[in-house]
PDB file of N, CA and C in Angstrom:
ATOM      1  N   MET A   1      38.415 104.038 -20.390  1.00  0.00           N
ATOM      2  CA  MET A   1      38.274 104.523 -19.030  1.00  0.00           C
ATOM      3  C   MET A   1      38.373 103.371 -18.024  1.00  0.00           C
ATOM      4  N   LYS A   2      37.921 102.197 -18.438  1.00  0.00           N
ATOM      5  CA  LYS A   2      37.972 101.048 -17.545  1.00  0.00           C
ATOM      6  C   LYS A   2      39.419 100.721 -17.154  1.00  0.00           C
ATOM      7  N   ASN A   3      40.352 100.916 -18.088  1.00  0.00           N
ATOM      8  CA  ASN A   3      41.754 100.631 -17.804  1.00  0.00           C
ATOM      9  C   ASN A   3      42.320 101.543 -16.730  1.00  0.00           C
ATOM     10  N   LYS A   4      41.834 102.786 -16.649  1.00  0.00           N
ATOM     11  CA  LYS A   4      42.296 103.722 -15.609  1.00  0.00           C
ATOM     12  C   LYS A   4      41.963 103.180 -14.217  1.00  0.00           C
ATOM     13  N   PHE A   5      40.794 102.579 -14.073  1.00  0.00           N
ATOM     14  CA  PHE A   5      40.375 102.083 -12.771  1.00  0.00           C
ATOM     15  C   PHE A   5      41.094 100.799 -12.375  1.00  0.00           C
ATOM     16  N   LEU A   6      41.703 100.128 -13.329  1.00  0.00           N
ATOM     17  CA  LEU A   6      42.424  98.899 -13.036  1.00  0.00           C
ATOM     18  C   LEU A   6      43.935  99.091 -13.054  1.00  0.00           C
ATOM     19  N   SER A   7      44.385 100.340 -13.257  1.00  0.00           N
ATOM     20  CA  SER A   7      45.824 100.579 -13.298  1.00  0.00           C
ATOM     21  C   SER A   7      46.422 100.435 -11.906  1.00  0.00           C
ATOM     22  N   ARG A   8      47.679 100.031 -11.866  1.00  0.00           N
ATOM     23  CA  ARG A   8      48.351  99.855 -10.575  1.00  0.00           C
ATOM     24  C   ARG A   8      48.455 101.169  -9.822  1.00  0.00           C
ATOM     25  N   LYS A   9      48.732 102.258 -10.541  1.00  0.00           N
ATOM     26  CA  LYS A   9      48.843 103.566  -9.875  1.00  0.00           C
ATOM     27  C   LYS A   9      47.541 103.926  -9.177  1.00  0.00           C
ATOM     28  N   PHE A  10      46.423 103.705  -9.866  1.00  0.00           N
ATOM     29  CA  PHE A  10      45.131 104.053  -9.286  1.00  0.00           C
ATOM     30  C   PHE A  10      44.820 103.166  -8.081  1.00  0.00           C
ATOM     31  N   LEU A  11      45.051 101.865  -8.225  1.00  0.00           N
ATOM     32  CA  LEU A  11      44.740 100.951  -7.128  1.00  0.00           C
ATOM     33  C   LEU A  11      45.610 101.233  -5.902  1.00  0.00           C
ATOM     34  N   ILE A  12      46.878 101.578  -6.118  1.00  0.00           N
ATOM     35  CA  ILE A  12      47.747 101.928  -4.996  1.00  0.00           C
ATOM     36  C   ILE A  12      47.292 103.230  -4.347  1.00  0.00           C
ATOM     37  N   ALA A  13      46.863 104.192  -5.169  1.00  0.00           N
ATOM     38  CA  ALA A  13      46.369 105.457  -4.631  1.00  0.00           C
ATOM     39  C   ALA A  13      45.105 105.239  -3.801  1.00  0.00           C
ATOM     40  N   VAL A  14      44.214 104.379  -4.271  1.00  0.00           N
ATOM     41  CA  VAL A  14      42.990 104.075  -3.520  1.00  0.00           C
ATOM     42  C   VAL A  14      43.343 103.388  -2.199  1.00  0.00           C
ATOM     43  N   ALA A  15      44.279 102.440  -2.246  1.00  0.00           N
ATOM     44  CA  ALA A  15      44.689 101.749  -1.018  1.00  0.00           C
ATOM     45  C   ALA A  15      45.307 102.725  -0.021  1.00  0.00           C
ATOM     46  N   ALA A  16      46.159 103.627  -0.513  1.00  0.00           N
ATOM     47  CA  ALA A  16      46.772 104.621   0.370  1.00  0.00           C
ATOM     48  C   ALA A  16      45.719 105.555   0.953  1.00  0.00           C
ATOM     49  N   PHE A  17      44.752 105.952   0.122  1.00  0.00           N
ATOM     50  CA  PHE A  17      43.676 106.827   0.586  1.00  0.00           C
ATOM     51  C   PHE A  17      42.862 106.139   1.682  1.00  0.00           C
ATOM     52  N   LEU A  18      42.489 104.889   1.449  1.00  0.00           N
ATOM     53  CA  LEU A  18      41.686 104.170   2.436  1.00  0.00           C
ATOM     54  C   LEU A  18      42.458 103.921   3.730  1.00  0.00           C
ATOM     55  N   ALA A  19      43.747 103.612   3.611  1.00  0.00           N
ATOM     56  CA  ALA A  19      44.565 103.423   4.812  1.00  0.00           C
ATOM     57  C   ALA A  19      44.677 104.723   5.598  1.00  0.00           C
ATOM     58  N   SER A  20      44.806 105.829   4.886  1.00  0.00           N
ATOM     59  CA  SER A  20      44.898 107.130   5.558  1.00  0.00           C
ATOM     60  C   SER A  20      43.597 107.493   6.254  1.00  0.00           C
ATOM     61  N   VAL A  21      42.490 107.222   5.587  1.00  0.00           N
ATOM     62  CA  VAL A  21      41.187 107.481   6.210  1.00  0.00           C
ATOM     63  C   VAL A  21      41.016 106.594   7.443  1.00  0.00           C
ATOM     64  N   GLY A  22      41.444 105.339   7.327  1.00  0.00           N
ATOM     65  CA  GLY A  22      41.397 104.432   8.479  1.00  0.00           C
ATOM     66  C   GLY A  22      42.235 104.931   9.637  1.00  0.00           C
ATOM     67  N   THR A  23      43.398 105.486   9.317  1.00  0.00           N
ATOM     68  CA  THR A  23      44.260 106.051  10.356  1.00  0.00           C
ATOM     69  C   THR A  23      43.573 107.228  11.038  1.00  0.00           C
ATOM     70  N   SER A  24      42.932 108.077  10.241  1.00  0.00           N
ATOM     71  CA  SER A  24      42.209 109.220  10.821  1.00  0.00           C
ATOM     72  C   SER A  24      41.079 108.758  11.729  1.00  0.00           C
ATOM     73  N   ILE A  25      40.344 107.766  11.278  1.00  0.00           N
ATOM     74  CA  ILE A  25      39.233 107.248  12.090  1.00  0.00           C
ATOM     75  C   ILE A  25      39.750 106.635  13.387  1.00  0.00           C
ATOM     76  N   THR A  26      40.865 105.908  13.286  1.00  0.00           N
ATOM     77  CA  THR A  26      41.463 105.331  14.492  1.00  0.00           C
ATOM     78  C   THR A  26      41.881 106.432  15.460  1.00  0.00           C
ATOM     79  N   GLY A  27      42.506 107.480  14.930  1.00  0.00           N
ATOM     80  CA  GLY A  27      42.899 108.605  15.778  1.00  0.00           C
ATOM     81  C   GLY A  27      41.716 109.249  16.468  1.00  0.00           C
ATOM     82  N   LEU A  28      40.617 109.376  15.726  1.00  0.00           N
ATOM     83  CA  LEU A  28      39.414 109.958  16.331  1.00  0.00           C
ATOM     84  C   LEU A  28      38.834 109.049  17.412  1.00  0.00           C
ATOM     85  N   SER A  29      38.828 107.737  17.141  1.00  0.00           N
ATOM     86  CA  SER A  29      38.208 106.822  18.093  1.00  0.00           C
ATOM     87  C   SER A  29      39.003 106.689  19.392  1.00  0.00           C
ATOM     88  N   ILE A  30      40.335 106.811  19.312  1.00  0.00           N
ATOM     89  CA  ILE A  30      41.126 106.723  20.544  1.00  0.00           C
ATOM     90  C   ILE A  30      41.484 108.109  21.086  1.00  0.00           C
ATOM     91  N   GLU A  31      40.910 109.123  20.446  1.00  0.00           N
ATOM     92  CA  GLU A  31      41.088 110.520  20.861  1.00  0.00           C
ATOM     93  C   GLU A  31      42.564 110.930  20.866  1.00  0.00           C
ATOM     94  N   ASN A  32      43.278 110.547  19.805  1.00  0.00           N
ATOM     95  CA  ASN A  32      44.680 110.920  19.650  1.00  0.00           C
ATOM     96  C   ASN A  32      44.769 111.877  18.465  1.00  0.00           C
ATOM     97  N   GLU A  33      44.935 113.150  18.772  1.00  0.00           N
ATOM     98  CA  GLU A  33      44.923 114.187  17.739  1.00  0.00           C
ATOM     99  C   GLU A  33      46.083 114.041  16.755  1.00  0.00           C
ATOM    100  N   THR A  34      47.223 113.600  17.231  1.00  0.00           N
ATOM    101  CA  THR A  34      48.393 113.442  16.362  1.00  0.00           C
ATOM    102  C   THR A  34      48.129 112.411  15.269  1.00  0.00           C
ATOM    103  N   ILE A  35      47.578 111.277  15.639  1.00  0.00           N
ATOM    104  CA  ILE A  35      47.272 110.235  14.653  1.00  0.00           C
ATOM    105  C   ILE A  35      46.211 110.725  13.679  1.00  0.00           C
ATOM    106  N   THR A  36      45.236 111.455  14.150  1.00  0.00           N
ATOM    107  CA  THR A  36      44.193 112.005  13.284  1.00  0.00           C
ATOM    108  C   THR A  36      44.793 112.946  12.245  1.00  0.00           C
ATOM    109  N   ILE A  37      45.691 113.807  12.673  1.00  0.00           N
ATOM    110  CA  ILE A  37      46.323 114.753  11.751  1.00  0.00           C
ATOM    111  C   ILE A  37      47.208 114.023  10.746  1.00  0.00           C
ATOM    112  N   ILE A  38      47.963 113.040  11.209  1.00  0.00           N
ATOM    113  CA  ILE A  38      48.804 112.258  10.290  1.00  0.00           C
ATOM    114  C   ILE A  38      47.943 111.588   9.227  1.00  0.00           C
ATOM    115  N   GLY A  39      46.829 111.015   9.618  1.00  0.00           N
ATOM    116  CA  GLY A  39      45.925 110.382   8.654  1.00  0.00           C
ATOM    117  C   GLY A  39      45.374 111.375   7.651  1.00  0.00           C
ATOM    118  N   ALA A  40      45.010 112.562   8.113  1.00  0.00           N
ATOM    119  CA  ALA A  40      44.468 113.578   7.199  1.00  0.00           C
ATOM    120  C   ALA A  40      45.532 114.052   6.215  1.00  0.00           C
ATOM    121  N   VAL A  41      46.747 114.273   6.707  1.00  0.00           N
ATOM    122  CA  VAL A  41      47.834 114.715   5.823  1.00  0.00           C
ATOM    123  C   VAL A  41      48.156 113.641   4.788  1.00  0.00           C
ATOM    124  N   CYS A  42      48.203 112.398   5.216  1.00  0.00           N
ATOM    125  CA  CYS A  42      48.487 111.305   4.274  1.00  0.00           C
ATOM    126  C   CYS A  42      47.369 111.139   3.245  1.00  0.00           C
ATOM    127  N   THR A  43      46.132 111.406   3.631  1.00  0.00           N
ATOM    128  CA  THR A  43      45.020 111.354   2.684  1.00  0.00           C
ATOM    129  C   THR A  43      45.219 112.388   1.581  1.00  0.00           C
ATOM    130  N   ILE A  44      45.569 113.598   1.973  1.00  0.00           N
ATOM    131  CA  ILE A  44      45.790 114.665   0.997  1.00  0.00           C
ATOM    132  C   ILE A  44      47.005 114.350   0.125  1.00  0.00           C
ATOM    133  N   LEU A  45      48.075 113.868   0.742  1.00  0.00           N
ATOM    134  CA  LEU A  45      49.291 113.548  -0.012  1.00  0.00           C
ATOM    135  C   LEU A  45      49.065 112.422  -1.024  1.00  0.00           C
ATOM    136  N   SER A  46      48.323 111.391  -0.629  1.00  0.00           N
ATOM    137  CA  SER A  46      48.107 110.281  -1.563  1.00  0.00           C
ATOM    138  C   SER A  46      47.344 110.743  -2.797  1.00  0.00           C
ATOM    139  N   THR A  47      46.388 111.627  -2.611  1.00  0.00           N
ATOM    140  CA  THR A  47      45.638 112.166  -3.748  1.00  0.00           C
ATOM    141  C   THR A  47      46.524 113.049  -4.609  1.00  0.00           C
ATOM    142  N   GLY A  48      47.321 113.893  -3.990  1.00  0.00           N
ATOM    143  CA  GLY A  48      48.214 114.777  -4.730  1.00  0.00           C
ATOM    144  C   GLY A  48      49.285 114.021  -5.498  1.00  0.00           C
ATOM    145  N   ILE A  49      49.846 113.008  -4.882  1.00  0.00           N
ATOM    146  CA  ILE A  49      50.885 112.219  -5.547  1.00  0.00           C
ATOM    147  C   ILE A  49      50.305 111.489  -6.747  1.00  0.00           C
ATOM    148  N   TYR A  50      49.097 110.955  -6.613  1.00  0.00           N
ATOM    149  CA  TYR A  50      48.462 110.290  -7.749  1.00  0.00           C
ATOM    150  C   TYR A  50      48.222 111.279  -8.890  1.00  0.00           C
ATOM    151  N   ALA A  51      47.721 112.450  -8.568  1.00  0.00           N
ATOM    152  CA  ALA A  51      47.471 113.458  -9.606  1.00  0.00           C
ATOM    153  C   ALA A  51      48.772 113.853 -10.298  1.00  0.00           C
ATOM    154  N   PHE A  52      49.845 114.035  -9.526  1.00  0.00           N
ATOM    155  CA  PHE A  52      51.145 114.375 -10.106  1.00  0.00           C
ATOM    156  C   PHE A  52      51.649 113.251 -11.011  1.00  0.00           C
ATOM    157  N   ALA A  53      51.541 112.012 -10.554  1.00  0.00           N
ATOM    158  CA  ALA A  53      52.022 110.879 -11.353  1.00  0.00           C
ATOM    159  C   ALA A  53      51.257 110.772 -12.668  1.00  0.00           C
ATOM    160  N   GLU A  54      49.950 110.953 -12.627  1.00  0.00           N
ATOM    161  CA  GLU A  54      49.157 110.893 -13.855  1.00  0.00           C
ATOM    162  C   GLU A  54      49.524 112.035 -14.801  1.00  0.00           C
ATOM    163  N   ALA A  55      49.709 113.227 -14.265  1.00  0.00           N
ATOM    164  CA  ALA A  55      50.089 114.368 -15.106  1.00  0.00           C
ATOM    165  C   ALA A  55      51.463 114.144 -15.727  1.00  0.00           C
ATOM    166  N   TYR A  56      52.384 113.595 -14.967  1.00  0.00           N
ATOM    167  CA  TYR A  56      53.728 113.324 -15.474  1.00  0.00           C
ATOM    168  C   TYR A  56      53.689 112.300 -16.608  1.00  0.00           C
ATOM    169  N   VAL A  57      52.953 111.217 -16.395  1.00  0.00           N
ATOM    170  CA  VAL A  57      52.857 110.172 -17.417  1.00  0.00           C
ATOM    171  C   VAL A  57      52.181 110.716 -18.673  1.00  0.00           C
ATOM    172  N   ASP A  58      51.119 111.471 -18.505  1.00  0.00           N
ATOM    173  CA  ASP A  58      50.433 112.051 -19.664  1.00  0.00           C
ATOM    174  C   ASP A  58      51.331 113.033 -20.408  1.00  0.00           C
ATOM    175  N   GLY A  59      52.094 113.825 -19.668  1.00  0.00           N
ATOM    176  CA  GLY A  59      53.016 114.765 -20.289  1.00  0.00           C
ATOM    177  C   GLY A  59      54.102 114.061 -21.076  1.00  0.00           C
ATOM    178  N   ARG A  60      54.658 112.992 -20.510  1.00  0.00           N
ATOM    179  CA  ARG A  60      55.687 112.225 -21.217  1.00  0.00           C
ATOM    180  C   ARG A  60      55.110 111.561 -22.466  1.00  0.00           C
ATOM    181  N   ARG A  61      53.868 111.108 -22.381  1.00  0.00           N
ATOM    182  CA  ARG A  61      53.225 110.476 -23.535  1.00  0.00           C
ATOM    183  C   ARG A  61      53.039 111.511 -24.647  1.00  0.00           C
ATOM    184  N   CYS A  62      52.598 112.692 -24.300  1.00  0.00           N
ATOM    185  CA  CYS A  62      52.428 113.760 -25.313  1.00  0.00           C
ATOM    186  C   CYS A  62      53.763 114.130 -25.927  1.00  0.00           C
ATOM    187  N   PHE A  63      54.802 114.213 -25.111  1.00  0.00           N
ATOM    188  CA  PHE A  63      56.137 114.557 -25.603  1.00  0.00           C
ATOM    189  C   PHE A  63      56.637 113.480 -26.564  1.00  0.00           C
ATOM    190  N   ALA A  64      56.389 112.218 -26.244  1.00  0.00           N
ATOM    191  CA  ALA A  64      56.832 111.119 -27.103  1.00  0.00           C
ATOM    192  C   ALA A  64      56.071 111.118 -28.423  1.00  0.00           C
ATOM    193  N   GLU A  65      54.809 111.480 -28.400  1.00  0.00           N
ATOM    194  CA  GLU A  65      54.019 111.510 -29.635  1.00  0.00           C
ATOM    195  C   GLU A  65      54.443 112.642 -30.546  1.00  0.00           C
ATOM    196  N   MET A  66      55.010 113.725 -29.988  1.00  0.00           N
ATOM    197  CA  MET A  66      55.443 114.853 -30.787  1.00  0.00           C
ATOM    198  C   MET A  66      56.725 114.539 -31.543  1.00  0.00           C
ATOM    199  N   GLU A  67      57.503 113.596 -31.076  1.00  0.00           N
ATOM    200  CA  GLU A  67      58.784 113.261 -31.720  1.00  0.00           C
ATOM    201  C   GLU A  67      58.624 112.384 -32.909  1.00  0.00           C
TER     202      GLU A  67
END
């Protein structure tokens, strides 16, 4: 499990998530609704993309083990 937390995919996903949250906070602080929405959408997308990438890699690994 420790390797999952040190994987490049996970670290990039965390960085994208934190940057998106930062963007949302910036949008809220300067009262710019567009920036706030962009940050929220990017937060959701970064989580979804990470989940998809992990599922894809796990699926390919299972397929390779079956051969």
